[in-house]
Amino acid sequence: MLSIWRKLFPFKQFPCVCNAKAKSLCEAGTGRRLRVECLCGEEHICHRLREMGFCESSVVEKIADSGSLICKVCDAKVALGKDLAQQIIVKDICPCQGHGHV
């Protein structure tokens, strides 16, 4: 099914994460593009993070990390406290997009 979808839509829907290690958004470096793997925490907090755009498989760019953590998600800049950022588990997106990785 996925191969048929790729033939119909040859662009890359999800960037590659090539064996990148999962870490919290706090632990990720600034200036990095990341993919959200999962949210861990109480259900109402995870629900609010999803409303803010931090859904599983969404792409996030970590912009700054002094004081509040600033990210770009869904073409909007969002400031988060480190306590919330700790609950967002991400992986680095590798530069090998377009090489057959998913």
C-alpha atoms as a PDB file:
ATOM      1  CA  MET A   1       0.000   0.000   0.000  1.00  0.00           C
ATOM      2  CA  LEU A   2       2.785   2.436   0.922  1.00  0.00           C
ATOM      3  CA  SER A   3       4.645   1.723  -2.336  1.00  0.00           C
ATOM      4  CA  ILE A   4       1.497   2.516  -4.358  1.00  0.00           C
ATOM      5  CA  TRP A   5       1.071   5.737  -2.402  1.00  0.00           C
ATOM      6  CA  ARG A   6       4.711   6.694  -3.113  1.00  0.00           C
ATOM      7  CA  LYS A   7       4.200   6.108  -6.847  1.00  0.00           C
ATOM      8  CA  LEU A   8       1.148   8.357  -6.840  1.00  0.00           C
ATOM      9  CA  PHE A   9       2.834  10.988  -4.652  1.00  0.00           C
ATOM     10  CA  PRO A  10       6.599  10.826  -5.284  1.00  0.00           C
ATOM     11  CA  PHE A  11       7.483  13.587  -2.803  1.00  0.00           C
ATOM     12  CA  LYS A  12       8.667  12.639   0.663  1.00  0.00           C
ATOM     13  CA  GLN A  13       5.887  12.932   3.234  1.00  0.00           C
ATOM     14  CA  PHE A  14       7.922  12.134   6.326  1.00  0.00           C
ATOM     15  CA  PRO A  15      11.630  12.946   6.661  1.00  0.00           C
ATOM     16  CA  CYS A  16      14.100  10.210   7.511  1.00  0.00           C
ATOM     17  CA  VAL A  17      15.271   9.623  11.078  1.00  0.00           C
ATOM     18  CA  CYS A  18      17.924   6.973  10.219  1.00  0.00           C
ATOM     19  CA  ASN A  19      18.647   5.301  13.546  1.00  0.00           C
ATOM     20  CA  ALA A  20      18.635   8.599  15.427  1.00  0.00           C
ATOM     21  CA  LYS A  21      18.284   8.199  19.180  1.00  0.00           C
ATOM     22  CA  ALA A  22      15.104   9.409  20.832  1.00  0.00           C
ATOM     23  CA  LYS A  23      15.530  12.200  23.367  1.00  0.00           C
ATOM     24  CA  SER A  24      13.453  14.905  24.976  1.00  0.00           C
ATOM     25  CA  LEU A  25      13.059  18.227  23.198  1.00  0.00           C
ATOM     26  CA  CYS A  26      15.150  19.760  26.019  1.00  0.00           C
ATOM     27  CA  GLU A  27      18.095  17.514  25.132  1.00  0.00           C
ATOM     28  CA  ALA A  28      18.005  18.285  21.392  1.00  0.00           C
ATOM     29  CA  GLY A  29      20.405  20.861  19.991  1.00  0.00           C
ATOM     30  CA  THR A  30      19.234  24.280  18.851  1.00  0.00           C
ATOM     31  CA  GLY A  31      18.916  24.889  15.129  1.00  0.00           C
ATOM     32  CA  ARG A  32      17.929  21.240  14.593  1.00  0.00           C
ATOM     33  CA  ARG A  33      14.965  19.861  12.693  1.00  0.00           C
ATOM     34  CA  LEU A  34      13.296  17.113  14.682  1.00  0.00           C
ATOM     35  CA  ARG A  35      10.376  14.760  14.388  1.00  0.00           C
ATOM     36  CA  VAL A  36       8.077  14.181  17.350  1.00  0.00           C
ATOM     37  CA  GLU A  37       8.083  10.483  18.224  1.00  0.00           C
ATOM     38  CA  CYS A  38       5.729  10.528  21.193  1.00  0.00           C
ATOM     39  CA  LEU A  39       4.430  12.583  24.074  1.00  0.00           C
ATOM     40  CA  CYS A  40       4.778  11.325  27.622  1.00  0.00           C
ATOM     41  CA  GLY A  41       2.959  12.784  30.539  1.00  0.00           C
ATOM     42  CA  GLU A  42      -0.541  13.199  31.848  1.00  0.00           C
ATOM     43  CA  GLU A  43      -3.284  12.923  29.236  1.00  0.00           C
ATOM     44  CA  HIS A  44      -4.514  16.516  29.586  1.00  0.00           C
ATOM     45  CA  ILE A  45      -0.962  17.834  29.086  1.00  0.00           C
ATOM     46  CA  CYS A  46      -0.402  15.631  26.017  1.00  0.00           C
ATOM     47  CA  HIS A  47      -3.748  16.796  24.639  1.00  0.00           C
ATOM     48  CA  ARG A  48      -2.727  20.454  25.046  1.00  0.00           C
ATOM     49  CA  LEU A  49       0.651  19.817  23.382  1.00  0.00           C
ATOM     50  CA  ARG A  50      -1.146  18.228  20.412  1.00  0.00           C
ATOM     51  CA  GLU A  51      -3.426  21.269  20.197  1.00  0.00           C
ATOM     52  CA  MET A  52      -0.291  23.439  20.025  1.00  0.00           C
ATOM     53  CA  GLY A  53       0.993  21.390  17.053  1.00  0.00           C
ATOM     54  CA  PHE A  54       3.303  18.914  18.803  1.00  0.00           C
ATOM     55  CA  CYS A  55       1.578  15.849  17.337  1.00  0.00           C
ATOM     56  CA  GLU A  56       3.297  12.530  16.767  1.00  0.00           C
ATOM     57  CA  SER A  57       5.264  12.633  13.458  1.00  0.00           C
ATOM     58  CA  SER A  58       5.131  16.440  13.255  1.00  0.00           C
ATOM     59  CA  VAL A  59       8.326  18.273  12.327  1.00  0.00           C
ATOM     60  CA  VAL A  60       9.695  20.768  14.848  1.00  0.00           C
ATOM     61  CA  GLU A  61      12.652  23.127  14.612  1.00  0.00           C
ATOM     62  CA  LYS A  62      14.275  24.050  17.915  1.00  0.00           C
ATOM     63  CA  ILE A  63      15.207  27.736  17.641  1.00  0.00           C
ATOM     64  CA  ALA A  64      16.368  28.800  21.093  1.00  0.00           C
ATOM     65  CA  ASP A  65      16.822  27.288  24.476  1.00  0.00           C
ATOM     66  CA  SER A  66      17.786  30.059  26.914  1.00  0.00           C
ATOM     67  CA  GLY A  67      15.104  30.503  29.549  1.00  0.00           C
ATOM     68  CA  SER A  68      12.014  29.341  27.687  1.00  0.00           C
ATOM     69  CA  LEU A  69      12.478  26.918  24.848  1.00  0.00           C
ATOM     70  CA  ILE A  70      11.394  28.348  21.469  1.00  0.00           C
ATOM     71  CA  CYS A  71      10.373  26.074  18.602  1.00  0.00           C
ATOM     72  CA  LYS A  72       8.906  26.455  15.171  1.00  0.00           C
ATOM     73  CA  VAL A  73       6.027  24.049  14.661  1.00  0.00           C
ATOM     74  CA  CYS A  74       3.294  24.253  11.995  1.00  0.00           C
ATOM     75  CA  ASP A  75       4.868  27.499  10.679  1.00  0.00           C
ATOM     76  CA  ALA A  76       4.410  29.198  14.056  1.00  0.00           C
ATOM     77  CA  LYS A  77       6.900  29.999  16.794  1.00  0.00           C
ATOM     78  CA  VAL A  78       5.938  28.552  20.160  1.00  0.00           C
ATOM     79  CA  ALA A  79       7.569  29.119  23.555  1.00  0.00           C
ATOM     80  CA  LEU A  80       7.530  26.239  26.041  1.00  0.00           C
ATOM     81  CA  GLY A  81       8.723  25.801  29.579  1.00  0.00           C
ATOM     82  CA  LYS A  82      11.409  23.180  30.009  1.00  0.00           C
ATOM     83  CA  ASP A  83       9.007  21.055  32.057  1.00  0.00           C
ATOM     84  CA  LEU A  84       6.698  20.704  29.029  1.00  0.00           C
ATOM     85  CA  ALA A  85       9.572  20.283  26.568  1.00  0.00           C
ATOM     86  CA  GLN A  86      10.844  17.391  28.694  1.00  0.00           C
ATOM     87  CA  GLN A  87       7.631  15.498  27.858  1.00  0.00           C
ATOM     88  CA  ILE A  88       8.084  15.776  24.071  1.00  0.00           C
ATOM     89  CA  ILE A  89      10.212  12.901  22.752  1.00  0.00           C
ATOM     90  CA  VAL A  90      11.920  13.646  19.424  1.00  0.00           C
ATOM     91  CA  LYS A  91      14.460  12.260  16.969  1.00  0.00           C
ATOM     92  CA  ASP A  92      16.831  14.214  14.738  1.00  0.00           C
ATOM     93  CA  ILE A  93      15.898  14.339  11.073  1.00  0.00           C
ATOM     94  CA  CYS A  94      18.881  13.265   9.015  1.00  0.00           C
ATOM     95  CA  PRO A  95      19.951  14.989   5.790  1.00  0.00           C
ATOM     96  CA  CYS A  96      19.530  11.831   3.678  1.00  0.00           C
ATOM     97  CA  GLN A  97      15.984  12.671   2.599  1.00  0.00           C
ATOM     98  CA  GLY A  98      15.196  11.188  -0.756  1.00  0.00           C
ATOM     99  CA  HIS A  99      17.453   8.124  -0.335  1.00  0.00           C
ATOM    100  CA  GLY A 100      14.674   5.616   0.228  1.00  0.00           C
ATOM    101  CA  HIS A 101      14.508   5.974   3.992  1.00  0.00           C
ATOM    102  CA  VAL A 102      11.243   6.476   5.857  1.00  0.00           C
END
